[in-house]
Amino acid sequence: MPDQTTLSDTVAPSAIRDGFRATISQAVETFGATAPNPSVGCALLDAEGRVLTVGVHPRAGQPHAEAMALAQARAAGILDQARVALVTLEPCNHTGRTPPCSEALRNSPVQEVWIGGADPNPQASGGAERLREMPGAKRVVMLADRPDMADLARDCRALLAPFASRVVRHRPWISVKQALDEHGSMVPPPGQKTFTSPDSLVLAHRLRRATDAIITGIGTVLADRPRFTVRHVPDHEGCKPRLLIVCDRHGRLPADWVAEMTQAGFEVLTSSDLLSVPALLAERGVNWAMIEAGPALLASVAEAGLWDDWLTIHKTADADRIDLKSRDESPLRLLRENACSLES
């Protein structure tokens, strides 16, 4: 069997990089649509390193990224040209709602498979080893074994972070979004709902679209009657309702607001215990949750350490300043970088 960690005999490293970049960029746009599954992308390259097609997993129950890429190449009449597959996550090795992707790749013309990260789900892992099995073994290269590709491995880890958090830690990845004016206040001027720039609003709504649940506090609901809908970017089509968790210890949630939010496409739940919310969301298949709340709830979140990354939008006299703190490779970083690349 060929050395699994050597440079590709098929295409140049620059083509591997370009292919992974295109794949990660497309997969990022599926955040918020795939739960409880991860966001995954797969590119097929020809012998010259040209990207033939990029497939992504659109939502649970639909074909996985590898199957999508193979089907797209087959429909275009170019599958026989495929020599290298670039996959952000180890191909699955089990039959669930879809067949194993490791078998689909074994039965394809692909000779070499690059994998962005191992599958943390023990029920689906083992795809890399299956691809290496004789007869018909494929060359398998893990990005973790390639120091020159460490940046791509980090991006694949960030792409997987929400799913991995739920599977490994039994709680979703939790992002806090906070906006502060020049004086450090979160309160918009009278008659306004916000004070941030249009670009910051787009980023905030991209985050809403990317998450499977929103956590807020009863104080925010009573003071602002927020909508929490995705408005400044197109939302995913045909997805199940997002969860909306309201932290409310004393049963003050207005019934008419709940009815409005249900009509807007949310499933509204209440919790009297902030610390129980992450486990509740994980049980509902939530990979990524976003906290939009006032100072009191955010202080409790910070004190309990319930956040994984924290986005702060600072209004300044010129352009808004964006600060992002993260405990690990952040999917929010990918989301922000993707937004910048789409705008350029």
C-alpha atoms as a PDB file:
ATOM      1  CA  MET A   1       0.000   0.000   0.000  1.00  0.00           C
ATOM      2  CA  PRO A   2       1.353   3.504  -0.765  1.00  0.00           C
ATOM      3  CA  ASP A   3       2.570   5.737   2.016  1.00  0.00           C
ATOM      4  CA  GLN A   4      -0.550   7.463   3.333  1.00  0.00           C
ATOM      5  CA  THR A   5       1.162  10.714   4.338  1.00  0.00           C
ATOM      6  CA  THR A   6       3.359  11.448   1.324  1.00  0.00           C
ATOM      7  CA  LEU A   7       2.668  14.243  -1.078  1.00  0.00           C
ATOM      8  CA  SER A   8      -0.029  13.476  -3.617  1.00  0.00           C
ATOM      9  CA  ASP A   9       1.258  11.732  -6.726  1.00  0.00           C
ATOM     10  CA  THR A  10      -1.788  13.048  -8.533  1.00  0.00           C
ATOM     11  CA  VAL A  11      -2.085  16.814  -8.114  1.00  0.00           C
ATOM     12  CA  ALA A  12      -0.039  19.732  -6.764  1.00  0.00           C
ATOM     13  CA  PRO A  13      -0.396  20.858  -3.114  1.00  0.00           C
ATOM     14  CA  SER A  14      -1.667  24.236  -4.359  1.00  0.00           C
ATOM     15  CA  ALA A  15      -4.587  22.447  -6.027  1.00  0.00           C
ATOM     16  CA  ILE A  16      -5.349  20.625  -2.777  1.00  0.00           C
ATOM     17  CA  ARG A  17      -5.385  23.980  -0.981  1.00  0.00           C
ATOM     18  CA  ASP A  18      -7.614  25.652  -3.554  1.00  0.00           C
ATOM     19  CA  GLY A  19      -9.997  22.722  -3.554  1.00  0.00           C
ATOM     20  CA  PHE A  20     -10.307  22.654   0.217  1.00  0.00           C
ATOM     21  CA  ARG A  21     -10.852  26.414   0.323  1.00  0.00           C
ATOM     22  CA  ALA A  22     -13.732  26.157  -2.160  1.00  0.00           C
ATOM     23  CA  THR A  23     -15.183  23.194  -0.284  1.00  0.00           C
ATOM     24  CA  ILE A  24     -15.040  24.805   3.153  1.00  0.00           C
ATOM     25  CA  SER A  25     -16.538  28.027   1.791  1.00  0.00           C
ATOM     26  CA  GLN A  26     -19.569  26.220   0.386  1.00  0.00           C
ATOM     27  CA  ALA A  27     -20.018  24.050   3.478  1.00  0.00           C
ATOM     28  CA  VAL A  28     -20.044  27.122   5.749  1.00  0.00           C
ATOM     29  CA  GLU A  29     -23.196  28.296   3.980  1.00  0.00           C
ATOM     30  CA  THR A  30     -25.039  25.171   5.206  1.00  0.00           C
ATOM     31  CA  PHE A  31     -24.614  26.064   8.889  1.00  0.00           C
ATOM     32  CA  GLY A  32     -28.095  26.092  10.407  1.00  0.00           C
ATOM     33  CA  ALA A  33     -29.593  23.713   7.847  1.00  0.00           C
ATOM     34  CA  THR A  34     -28.049  20.321   8.642  1.00  0.00           C
ATOM     35  CA  ALA A  35     -28.620  19.641  12.359  1.00  0.00           C
ATOM     36  CA  PRO A  36     -28.421  17.148  13.914  1.00  0.00           C
ATOM     37  CA  ASN A  37     -25.894  16.325  11.187  1.00  0.00           C
ATOM     38  CA  PRO A  38     -22.683  18.307  10.636  1.00  0.00           C
ATOM     39  CA  SER A  39     -21.962  20.753   7.837  1.00  0.00           C
ATOM     40  CA  VAL A  40     -19.691  18.891   5.403  1.00  0.00           C
ATOM     41  CA  GLY A  41     -18.253  19.546   1.955  1.00  0.00           C
ATOM     42  CA  CYS A  42     -16.579  17.360  -0.670  1.00  0.00           C
ATOM     43  CA  ALA A  43     -14.685  18.409  -3.803  1.00  0.00           C
ATOM     44  CA  LEU A  44     -13.688  16.143  -6.680  1.00  0.00           C
ATOM     45  CA  LEU A  45     -10.524  17.016  -8.600  1.00  0.00           C
ATOM     46  CA  ASP A  46      -9.257  15.683 -11.912  1.00  0.00           C
ATOM     47  CA  ALA A  47      -5.716  14.533 -12.618  1.00  0.00           C
ATOM     48  CA  GLU A  48      -4.602  18.126 -13.279  1.00  0.00           C
ATOM     49  CA  GLY A  49      -5.973  19.377  -9.966  1.00  0.00           C
ATOM     50  CA  ARG A  50      -8.984  21.155 -11.467  1.00  0.00           C
ATOM     51  CA  VAL A  51     -12.122  21.187  -9.325  1.00  0.00           C
ATOM     52  CA  LEU A  52     -14.776  19.177 -11.151  1.00  0.00           C
ATOM     53  CA  THR A  53     -17.540  19.759  -8.617  1.00  0.00           C
ATOM     54  CA  VAL A  54     -18.191  20.577  -4.966  1.00  0.00           C
ATOM     55  CA  GLY A  55     -20.952  18.836  -3.063  1.00  0.00           C
ATOM     56  CA  VAL A  56     -22.348  19.756   0.341  1.00  0.00           C
ATOM     57  CA  HIS A  57     -24.741  18.008   2.677  1.00  0.00           C
ATOM     58  CA  PRO A  58     -27.879  20.172   2.393  1.00  0.00           C
ATOM     59  CA  ARG A  59     -29.883  18.895   5.399  1.00  0.00           C
ATOM     60  CA  ALA A  60     -30.589  15.814   7.501  1.00  0.00           C
ATOM     61  CA  GLY A  61     -32.057  12.978   5.464  1.00  0.00           C
ATOM     62  CA  GLN A  62     -30.559  14.273   2.233  1.00  0.00           C
ATOM     63  CA  PRO A  63     -27.431  12.762   0.603  1.00  0.00           C
ATOM     64  CA  HIS A  64     -24.106  13.407   2.293  1.00  0.00           C
ATOM     65  CA  ALA A  65     -21.520  15.662   0.710  1.00  0.00           C
ATOM     66  CA  GLU A  66     -19.558  12.825  -0.915  1.00  0.00           C
ATOM     67  CA  ALA A  67     -22.702  11.356  -2.468  1.00  0.00           C
ATOM     68  CA  MET A  68     -23.742  14.807  -3.675  1.00  0.00           C
ATOM     69  CA  ALA A  69     -20.371  15.438  -5.330  1.00  0.00           C
ATOM     70  CA  LEU A  70     -20.329  12.022  -7.010  1.00  0.00           C
ATOM     71  CA  ALA A  71     -23.914  12.422  -8.223  1.00  0.00           C
ATOM     72  CA  GLN A  72     -23.207  15.920  -9.580  1.00  0.00           C
ATOM     73  CA  ALA A  73     -20.139  14.669 -11.455  1.00  0.00           C
ATOM     74  CA  ARG A  74     -22.084  11.701 -12.823  1.00  0.00           C
ATOM     75  CA  ALA A  75     -24.931  13.941 -13.998  1.00  0.00           C
ATOM     76  CA  ALA A  76     -22.426  16.227 -15.746  1.00  0.00           C
ATOM     77  CA  GLY A  77     -20.731  13.273 -17.464  1.00  0.00           C
ATOM     78  CA  ILE A  78     -17.358  13.923 -15.805  1.00  0.00           C
ATOM     79  CA  LEU A  79     -17.234  11.317 -13.032  1.00  0.00           C
ATOM     80  CA  ASP A  80     -14.687   9.254 -14.948  1.00  0.00           C
ATOM     81  CA  GLN A  81     -12.280  12.203 -14.669  1.00  0.00           C
ATOM     82  CA  ALA A  82     -12.347  12.245 -10.845  1.00  0.00           C
ATOM     83  CA  ARG A  83      -9.027  11.264  -9.289  1.00  0.00           C
ATOM     84  CA  VAL A  84      -8.903  13.063  -5.915  1.00  0.00           C
ATOM     85  CA  ALA A  85     -11.616  13.667  -3.317  1.00  0.00           C
ATOM     86  CA  LEU A  86     -11.242  16.372  -0.663  1.00  0.00           C
ATOM     87  CA  VAL A  87     -13.621  15.861   2.267  1.00  0.00           C
ATOM     88  CA  THR A  88     -13.867  18.157   5.285  1.00  0.00           C
ATOM     89  CA  LEU A  89     -14.941  15.257   7.543  1.00  0.00           C
ATOM     90  CA  GLU A  90     -14.052  11.565   7.524  1.00  0.00           C
ATOM     91  CA  PRO A  91     -16.532   9.750   5.247  1.00  0.00           C
ATOM     92  CA  CYS A  92     -19.158   7.869   7.224  1.00  0.00           C
ATOM     93  CA  ASN A  93     -18.866   4.099   7.510  1.00  0.00           C
ATOM     94  CA  HIS A  94     -22.386   3.148   8.515  1.00  0.00           C
ATOM     95  CA  THR A  95     -25.844   2.903   6.995  1.00  0.00           C
ATOM     96  CA  GLY A  96     -28.261   5.386   8.504  1.00  0.00           C
ATOM     97  CA  ARG A  97     -30.773   7.357   6.488  1.00  0.00           C
ATOM     98  CA  THR A  98     -28.179   7.257   3.678  1.00  0.00           C
ATOM     99  CA  PRO A  99     -25.644   4.577   2.582  1.00  0.00           C
ATOM    100  CA  PRO A 100     -21.979   4.698   3.717  1.00  0.00           C
ATOM    101  CA  CYS A 101     -19.953   7.362   1.925  1.00  0.00           C
ATOM    102  CA  SER A 102     -16.790   5.291   2.321  1.00  0.00           C
ATOM    103  CA  GLU A 103     -18.321   2.661   0.043  1.00  0.00           C
ATOM    104  CA  ALA A 104     -19.435   5.269  -2.483  1.00  0.00           C
ATOM    105  CA  LEU A 105     -15.867   6.555  -2.733  1.00  0.00           C
ATOM    106  CA  ARG A 106     -14.430   3.020  -2.928  1.00  0.00           C
ATOM    107  CA  ASN A 107     -16.725   2.323  -5.861  1.00  0.00           C
ATOM    108  CA  SER A 108     -15.716   5.530  -7.688  1.00  0.00           C
ATOM    109  CA  PRO A 109     -12.768   6.360  -9.978  1.00  0.00           C
ATOM    110  CA  VAL A 110     -11.215   8.401  -7.140  1.00  0.00           C
ATOM    111  CA  GLN A 111      -7.717   7.186  -6.283  1.00  0.00           C
ATOM    112  CA  GLU A 112      -6.876   9.475  -3.387  1.00  0.00           C
ATOM    113  CA  VAL A 113      -8.965  10.867  -0.525  1.00  0.00           C
ATOM    114  CA  TRP A 114      -7.902  13.821   1.634  1.00  0.00           C
ATOM    115  CA  ILE A 115      -9.773  14.090   4.937  1.00  0.00           C
ATOM    116  CA  GLY A 116     -10.064  17.302   6.958  1.00  0.00           C
ATOM    117  CA  GLY A 117     -10.807  15.671  10.294  1.00  0.00           C
ATOM    118  CA  ALA A 118     -11.788  12.410  11.984  1.00  0.00           C
ATOM    119  CA  ASP A 119     -15.461  11.776  12.706  1.00  0.00           C
ATOM    120  CA  PRO A 120     -16.107  12.202  16.475  1.00  0.00           C
ATOM    121  CA  ASN A 121     -19.280  10.113  16.210  1.00  0.00           C
ATOM    122  CA  PRO A 122     -18.371   6.481  17.051  1.00  0.00           C
ATOM    123  CA  GLN A 123     -21.450   5.242  15.191  1.00  0.00           C
ATOM    124  CA  ALA A 124     -20.206   6.681  11.897  1.00  0.00           C
ATOM    125  CA  SER A 125     -16.407   6.644  12.223  1.00  0.00           C
ATOM    126  CA  GLY A 126     -14.053   4.201  10.537  1.00  0.00           C
ATOM    127  CA  GLY A 127     -14.399   5.510   7.012  1.00  0.00           C
ATOM    128  CA  ALA A 128     -10.702   6.239   6.640  1.00  0.00           C
ATOM    129  CA  GLU A 129      -9.730   2.683   7.543  1.00  0.00           C
ATOM    130  CA  ARG A 130     -12.368   1.271   5.222  1.00  0.00           C
ATOM    131  CA  LEU A 131     -10.970   3.340   2.346  1.00  0.00           C
ATOM    132  CA  ARG A 132      -7.502   1.896   3.025  1.00  0.00           C
ATOM    133  CA  GLU A 133      -8.654  -1.720   2.948  1.00  0.00           C
ATOM    134  CA  MET A 134      -7.458  -4.055   0.205  1.00  0.00           C
ATOM    135  CA  PRO A 135      -8.459  -4.934  -2.404  1.00  0.00           C
ATOM    136  CA  GLY A 136      -9.249  -1.625  -4.049  1.00  0.00           C
ATOM    137  CA  ALA A 137      -7.535   0.517  -1.413  1.00  0.00           C
ATOM    138  CA  LYS A 138      -7.466   4.263  -1.850  1.00  0.00           C
ATOM    139  CA  ARG A 139      -4.609   6.478  -0.732  1.00  0.00           C
ATOM    140  CA  VAL A 140      -5.878   8.352   2.327  1.00  0.00           C
ATOM    141  CA  VAL A 141      -4.276  11.545   3.612  1.00  0.00           C
ATOM    142  CA  MET A 142      -5.392  13.110   6.886  1.00  0.00           C
ATOM    143  CA  LEU A 143      -4.778  16.847   7.129  1.00  0.00           C
ATOM    144  CA  ALA A 144      -3.700  16.292  10.744  1.00  0.00           C
ATOM    145  CA  ASP A 145      -0.679  14.407   9.390  1.00  0.00           C
ATOM    146  CA  ARG A 146       0.364  17.287   7.158  1.00  0.00           C
ATOM    147  CA  PRO A 147       1.994  20.207   9.036  1.00  0.00           C
ATOM    148  CA  ASP A 148       2.028  22.248   5.813  1.00  0.00           C
ATOM    149  CA  MET A 149      -1.793  22.023   5.758  1.00  0.00           C
ATOM    150  CA  ALA A 150      -2.331  22.932   9.421  1.00  0.00           C
ATOM    151  CA  ASP A 151      -4.407  26.010   8.537  1.00  0.00           C
ATOM    152  CA  LEU A 152      -6.818  23.893   6.496  1.00  0.00           C
ATOM    153  CA  ALA A 153      -7.058  21.376   9.342  1.00  0.00           C
ATOM    154  CA  ARG A 154      -7.997  24.219  11.717  1.00  0.00           C
ATOM    155  CA  ASP A 155     -10.711  25.409   9.342  1.00  0.00           C
ATOM    156  CA  CYS A 156     -12.132  21.896   9.054  1.00  0.00           C
ATOM    157  CA  ARG A 157     -12.109  21.683  12.852  1.00  0.00           C
ATOM    158  CA  ALA A 158     -13.990  24.985  13.059  1.00  0.00           C
ATOM    159  CA  LEU A 159     -16.498  23.734  10.485  1.00  0.00           C
ATOM    160  CA  LEU A 160     -17.088  20.618  12.584  1.00  0.00           C
ATOM    161  CA  ALA A 161     -17.072  22.386  15.972  1.00  0.00           C
ATOM    162  CA  PRO A 162     -20.861  22.694  16.495  1.00  0.00           C
ATOM    163  CA  PHE A 163     -21.509  19.024  15.699  1.00  0.00           C
ATOM    164  CA  ALA A 164     -18.469  17.836  17.640  1.00  0.00           C
ATOM    165  CA  SER A 165     -19.547  19.856  20.677  1.00  0.00           C
ATOM    166  CA  ARG A 166     -22.927  18.136  20.772  1.00  0.00           C
ATOM    167  CA  VAL A 167     -21.533  14.638  20.154  1.00  0.00           C
ATOM    168  CA  VAL A 168     -18.505  14.832  22.466  1.00  0.00           C
ATOM    169  CA  ARG A 169     -19.584  17.306  25.181  1.00  0.00           C
ATOM    170  CA  HIS A 170     -23.342  16.638  24.974  1.00  0.00           C
ATOM    171  CA  ARG A 171     -24.055  20.346  24.588  1.00  0.00           C
ATOM    172  CA  PRO A 172     -24.199  22.609  21.547  1.00  0.00           C
ATOM    173  CA  TRP A 173     -21.581  25.149  20.576  1.00  0.00           C
ATOM    174  CA  ILE A 174     -22.805  28.397  22.134  1.00  0.00           C
ATOM    175  CA  SER A 175     -22.079  31.799  20.593  1.00  0.00           C
ATOM    176  CA  VAL A 176     -22.834  35.118  22.287  1.00  0.00           C
ATOM    177  CA  LYS A 177     -23.604  38.158  20.129  1.00  0.00           C
ATOM    178  CA  GLN A 178     -23.357  41.532  21.851  1.00  0.00           C
ATOM    179  CA  ALA A 179     -23.438  45.074  20.452  1.00  0.00           C
ATOM    180  CA  LEU A 180     -22.061  48.078  22.362  1.00  0.00           C
ATOM    181  CA  ASP A 181     -22.254  51.756  21.511  1.00  0.00           C
ATOM    182  CA  GLU A 182     -19.455  54.322  21.984  1.00  0.00           C
ATOM    183  CA  HIS A 183     -20.253  54.479  25.714  1.00  0.00           C
ATOM    184  CA  GLY A 184     -20.377  50.711  26.264  1.00  0.00           C
ATOM    185  CA  SER A 185     -24.167  50.586  26.422  1.00  0.00           C
ATOM    186  CA  MET A 186     -26.321  47.897  24.770  1.00  0.00           C
ATOM    187  CA  VAL A 187     -29.391  50.160  24.633  1.00  0.00           C
ATOM    188  CA  PRO A 188     -30.231  51.679  21.208  1.00  0.00           C
ATOM    189  CA  PRO A 189     -31.221  55.357  20.984  1.00  0.00           C
ATOM    190  CA  PRO A 190     -34.933  56.140  21.457  1.00  0.00           C
ATOM    191  CA  GLY A 191     -36.983  55.031  18.458  1.00  0.00           C
ATOM    192  CA  GLN A 192     -34.286  52.714  17.096  1.00  0.00           C
ATOM    193  CA  LYS A 193     -33.893  48.940  17.263  1.00  0.00           C
ATOM    194  CA  THR A 194     -30.144  48.969  16.638  1.00  0.00           C
ATOM    195  CA  PHE A 195     -27.148  51.273  16.316  1.00  0.00           C
ATOM    196  CA  THR A 196     -24.700  49.082  14.388  1.00  0.00           C
ATOM    197  CA  SER A 197     -23.675  49.441  10.735  1.00  0.00           C
ATOM    198  CA  PRO A 198     -25.354  47.615   7.815  1.00  0.00           C
ATOM    199  CA  ASP A 199     -22.332  45.316   7.511  1.00  0.00           C
ATOM    200  CA  SER A 200     -22.585  44.404  11.194  1.00  0.00           C
ATOM    201  CA  LEU A 201     -26.290  43.693  10.797  1.00  0.00           C
ATOM    202  CA  VAL A 202     -25.532  41.333   7.916  1.00  0.00           C
ATOM    203  CA  LEU A 203     -23.008  39.471  10.059  1.00  0.00           C
ATOM    204  CA  ALA A 204     -25.468  39.242  12.964  1.00  0.00           C
ATOM    205  CA  HIS A 205     -28.185  37.853  10.708  1.00  0.00           C
ATOM    206  CA  ARG A 206     -25.770  35.401   9.087  1.00  0.00           C
ATOM    207  CA  LEU A 207     -25.122  34.140  12.611  1.00  0.00           C
ATOM    208  CA  ARG A 208     -28.849  33.808  13.267  1.00  0.00           C
ATOM    209  CA  ARG A 209     -29.234  31.797  10.067  1.00  0.00           C
ATOM    210  CA  ALA A 210     -26.265  29.580  10.986  1.00  0.00           C
ATOM    211  CA  THR A 211     -27.596  28.594  14.410  1.00  0.00           C
ATOM    212  CA  ASP A 212     -30.249  26.032  15.286  1.00  0.00           C
ATOM    213  CA  ALA A 213     -31.483  27.779  18.424  1.00  0.00           C
ATOM    214  CA  ILE A 214     -31.593  31.202  20.069  1.00  0.00           C
ATOM    215  CA  ILE A 215     -31.361  31.762  23.823  1.00  0.00           C
ATOM    216  CA  THR A 216     -32.696  34.977  25.331  1.00  0.00           C
ATOM    217  CA  GLY A 217     -33.966  36.334  28.625  1.00  0.00           C
ATOM    218  CA  ILE A 218     -37.422  37.365  29.772  1.00  0.00           C
ATOM    219  CA  GLY A 219     -36.166  40.912  30.367  1.00  0.00           C
ATOM    220  CA  THR A 220     -35.292  41.281  26.672  1.00  0.00           C
ATOM    221  CA  VAL A 221     -38.688  39.912  25.632  1.00  0.00           C
ATOM    222  CA  LEU A 222     -40.637  42.237  27.934  1.00  0.00           C
ATOM    223  CA  ALA A 223     -38.582  45.313  27.046  1.00  0.00           C
ATOM    224  CA  ASP A 224     -38.175  44.880  23.284  1.00  0.00           C
ATOM    225  CA  ARG A 225     -40.535  42.136  22.037  1.00  0.00           C
ATOM    226  CA  PRO A 226     -37.756  41.065  19.641  1.00  0.00           C
ATOM    227  CA  ARG A 227     -38.478  39.168  16.428  1.00  0.00           C
ATOM    228  CA  PHE A 228     -35.264  37.087  16.127  1.00  0.00           C
ATOM    229  CA  THR A 229     -36.019  36.398  12.459  1.00  0.00           C
ATOM    230  CA  VAL A 230     -33.404  36.298   9.691  1.00  0.00           C
ATOM    231  CA  ARG A 231     -33.920  39.429   7.615  1.00  0.00           C
ATOM    232  CA  HIS A 232     -30.714  40.894   6.170  1.00  0.00           C
ATOM    233  CA  VAL A 233     -29.699  37.704   4.351  1.00  0.00           C
ATOM    234  CA  PRO A 234     -31.822  34.956   2.742  1.00  0.00           C
ATOM    235  CA  ASP A 235     -32.786  32.257   5.236  1.00  0.00           C
ATOM    236  CA  HIS A 236     -32.536  28.520   4.571  1.00  0.00           C
ATOM    237  CA  GLU A 237     -35.577  27.151   2.774  1.00  0.00           C
ATOM    238  CA  GLY A 238     -37.663  24.263   4.018  1.00  0.00           C
ATOM    239  CA  CYS A 239     -35.964  23.810   7.378  1.00  0.00           C
ATOM    240  CA  LYS A 240     -37.642  22.803  10.617  1.00  0.00           C
ATOM    241  CA  PRO A 241     -38.535  25.586  13.106  1.00  0.00           C
ATOM    242  CA  ARG A 242     -35.666  27.060  15.098  1.00  0.00           C
ATOM    243  CA  LEU A 243     -35.795  26.618  18.825  1.00  0.00           C
ATOM    244  CA  LEU A 244     -36.179  29.772  20.904  1.00  0.00           C
ATOM    245  CA  ILE A 245     -35.380  29.348  24.588  1.00  0.00           C
ATOM    246  CA  VAL A 246     -36.512  32.082  26.967  1.00  0.00           C
ATOM    247  CA  CYS A 247     -34.934  32.071  30.421  1.00  0.00           C
ATOM    248  CA  ASP A 248     -37.903  32.941  32.638  1.00  0.00           C
ATOM    249  CA  ARG A 249     -37.946  32.064  36.336  1.00  0.00           C
ATOM    250  CA  HIS A 250     -41.344  33.528  37.186  1.00  0.00           C
ATOM    251  CA  GLY A 251     -43.641  32.633  34.285  1.00  0.00           C
ATOM    252  CA  ARG A 252     -43.865  36.143  32.839  1.00  0.00           C
ATOM    253  CA  LEU A 253     -43.643  35.207  29.153  1.00  0.00           C
ATOM    254  CA  PRO A 254     -46.477  36.938  27.223  1.00  0.00           C
ATOM    255  CA  ALA A 255     -48.728  34.439  25.442  1.00  0.00           C
ATOM    256  CA  ASP A 256     -49.361  36.803  22.516  1.00  0.00           C
ATOM    257  CA  TRP A 257     -45.614  37.145  21.880  1.00  0.00           C
ATOM    258  CA  VAL A 258     -45.245  33.345  21.930  1.00  0.00           C
ATOM    259  CA  ALA A 259     -48.044  33.137  19.363  1.00  0.00           C
ATOM    260  CA  GLU A 260     -46.305  35.712  17.161  1.00  0.00           C
ATOM    261  CA  MET A 261     -42.985  33.862  17.330  1.00  0.00           C
ATOM    262  CA  THR A 262     -44.644  30.530  16.597  1.00  0.00           C
ATOM    263  CA  GLN A 263     -46.271  32.105  13.555  1.00  0.00           C
ATOM    264  CA  ALA A 264     -42.837  33.407  12.525  1.00  0.00           C
ATOM    265  CA  GLY A 265     -41.421  29.880  12.502  1.00  0.00           C
ATOM    266  CA  PHE A 266     -40.029  29.330  15.996  1.00  0.00           C
ATOM    267  CA  GLU A 267     -40.661  26.659  18.582  1.00  0.00           C
ATOM    268  CA  VAL A 268     -40.700  28.584  21.860  1.00  0.00           C
ATOM    269  CA  LEU A 269     -39.621  26.911  25.088  1.00  0.00           C
ATOM    270  CA  THR A 270     -38.991  28.346  28.541  1.00  0.00           C
ATOM    271  CA  SER A 271     -36.422  27.440  31.166  1.00  0.00           C
ATOM    272  CA  SER A 272     -36.132  28.516  34.768  1.00  0.00           C
ATOM    273  CA  ASP A 273     -32.550  27.243  34.972  1.00  0.00           C
ATOM    274  CA  LEU A 274     -29.912  28.669  32.644  1.00  0.00           C
ATOM    275  CA  LEU A 275     -27.460  25.873  33.475  1.00  0.00           C
ATOM    276  CA  SER A 276     -29.883  23.219  32.184  1.00  0.00           C
ATOM    277  CA  VAL A 277     -30.335  24.851  28.779  1.00  0.00           C
ATOM    278  CA  PRO A 278     -27.283  23.372  26.981  1.00  0.00           C
ATOM    279  CA  ALA A 279     -28.292  19.775  27.784  1.00  0.00           C
ATOM    280  CA  LEU A 280     -31.897  20.520  26.808  1.00  0.00           C
ATOM    281  CA  LEU A 281     -30.754  21.816  23.423  1.00  0.00           C
ATOM    282  CA  ALA A 282     -28.414  18.876  22.815  1.00  0.00           C
ATOM    283  CA  GLU A 283     -31.280  16.465  23.445  1.00  0.00           C
ATOM    284  CA  ARG A 284     -33.218  18.297  20.722  1.00  0.00           C
ATOM    285  CA  GLY A 285     -30.386  17.836  18.209  1.00  0.00           C
ATOM    286  CA  VAL A 286     -29.111  21.407  18.329  1.00  0.00           C
ATOM    287  CA  ASN A 287     -25.517  21.740  17.123  1.00  0.00           C
ATOM    288  CA  TRP A 288     -25.113  25.510  17.447  1.00  0.00           C
ATOM    289  CA  ALA A 289     -26.991  27.949  19.686  1.00  0.00           C
ATOM    290  CA  MET A 290     -26.800  31.730  19.800  1.00  0.00           C
ATOM    291  CA  ILE A 291     -27.397  33.948  22.815  1.00  0.00           C
ATOM    292  CA  GLU A 292     -29.057  37.314  22.155  1.00  0.00           C
ATOM    293  CA  ALA A 293     -29.905  38.863  25.486  1.00  0.00           C
ATOM    294  CA  GLY A 294     -29.482  41.807  27.799  1.00  0.00           C
ATOM    295  CA  PRO A 295     -26.729  42.577  30.331  1.00  0.00           C
ATOM    296  CA  ALA A 296     -28.209  40.536  33.189  1.00  0.00           C
ATOM    297  CA  LEU A 297     -28.387  37.237  31.312  1.00  0.00           C
ATOM    298  CA  LEU A 298     -25.026  37.842  29.614  1.00  0.00           C
ATOM    299  CA  ALA A 299     -23.436  38.387  33.021  1.00  0.00           C
ATOM    300  CA  SER A 300     -24.843  35.044  34.174  1.00  0.00           C
ATOM    301  CA  VAL A 301     -23.580  33.353  31.005  1.00  0.00           C
ATOM    302  CA  ALA A 302     -20.108  34.794  31.531  1.00  0.00           C
ATOM    303  CA  GLU A 303     -20.043  33.837  35.206  1.00  0.00           C
ATOM    304  CA  ALA A 304     -21.088  30.251  34.418  1.00  0.00           C
ATOM    305  CA  GLY A 305     -18.683  29.992  31.478  1.00  0.00           C
ATOM    306  CA  LEU A 306     -21.467  28.811  29.179  1.00  0.00           C
ATOM    307  CA  TRP A 307     -20.078  30.387  26.033  1.00  0.00           C
ATOM    308  CA  ASP A 308     -17.728  28.978  23.383  1.00  0.00           C
ATOM    309  CA  ASP A 309     -17.201  32.129  21.366  1.00  0.00           C
ATOM    310  CA  TRP A 310     -18.233  35.706  22.067  1.00  0.00           C
ATOM    311  CA  LEU A 311     -18.803  38.236  19.312  1.00  0.00           C
ATOM    312  CA  THR A 312     -18.787  41.882  20.354  1.00  0.00           C
ATOM    313  CA  ILE A 313     -19.691  44.605  17.869  1.00  0.00           C
ATOM    314  CA  HIS A 314     -18.362  47.975  19.020  1.00  0.00           C
ATOM    315  CA  LYS A 315     -19.899  51.034  17.398  1.00  0.00           C
ATOM    316  CA  THR A 316     -17.288  53.680  16.691  1.00  0.00           C
ATOM    317  CA  ALA A 317     -17.262  57.029  14.940  1.00  0.00           C
ATOM    318  CA  ASP A 318     -16.001  55.255  11.821  1.00  0.00           C
ATOM    319  CA  ALA A 319     -16.577  51.596  10.965  1.00  0.00           C
ATOM    320  CA  ASP A 320     -17.762  49.166  13.651  1.00  0.00           C
ATOM    321  CA  ARG A 321     -15.023  47.213  15.407  1.00  0.00           C
ATOM    322  CA  ILE A 322     -15.558  43.472  15.649  1.00  0.00           C
ATOM    323  CA  ASP A 323     -14.008  41.491  18.500  1.00  0.00           C
ATOM    324  CA  LEU A 324     -14.221  37.707  18.615  1.00  0.00           C
ATOM    325  CA  LYS A 325     -13.123  35.646  21.614  1.00  0.00           C
ATOM    326  CA  SER A 326     -13.139  31.866  21.285  1.00  0.00           C
ATOM    327  CA  ARG A 327     -12.226  28.876  23.421  1.00  0.00           C
ATOM    328  CA  ASP A 328     -11.418  26.717  20.376  1.00  0.00           C
ATOM    329  CA  GLU A 329     -11.465  26.894  16.583  1.00  0.00           C
ATOM    330  CA  SER A 330     -14.538  29.017  15.986  1.00  0.00           C
ATOM    331  CA  PRO A 331     -17.256  28.384  13.394  1.00  0.00           C
ATOM    332  CA  LEU A 332     -18.140  32.046  13.829  1.00  0.00           C
ATOM    333  CA  ARG A 333     -14.680  32.934  12.511  1.00  0.00           C
ATOM    334  CA  LEU A 334     -15.404  30.927   9.347  1.00  0.00           C
ATOM    335  CA  LEU A 335     -18.792  32.602   9.043  1.00  0.00           C
ATOM    336  CA  ARG A 336     -17.222  36.036   9.301  1.00  0.00           C
ATOM    337  CA  GLU A 337     -14.428  35.224   6.845  1.00  0.00           C
ATOM    338  CA  ASN A 338     -16.959  33.823   4.390  1.00  0.00           C
ATOM    339  CA  ALA A 339     -19.031  36.994   4.677  1.00  0.00           C
ATOM    340  CA  CYS A 340     -15.973  39.104   3.878  1.00  0.00           C
ATOM    341  CA  SER A 341     -15.076  36.954   0.850  1.00  0.00           C
ATOM    342  CA  LEU A 342     -18.633  37.156  -0.466  1.00  0.00           C
ATOM    343  CA  GLU A 343     -18.586  40.938  -0.196  1.00  0.00           C
ATOM    344  CA  SER A 344     -15.212  41.360  -1.937  1.00  0.00           C
END
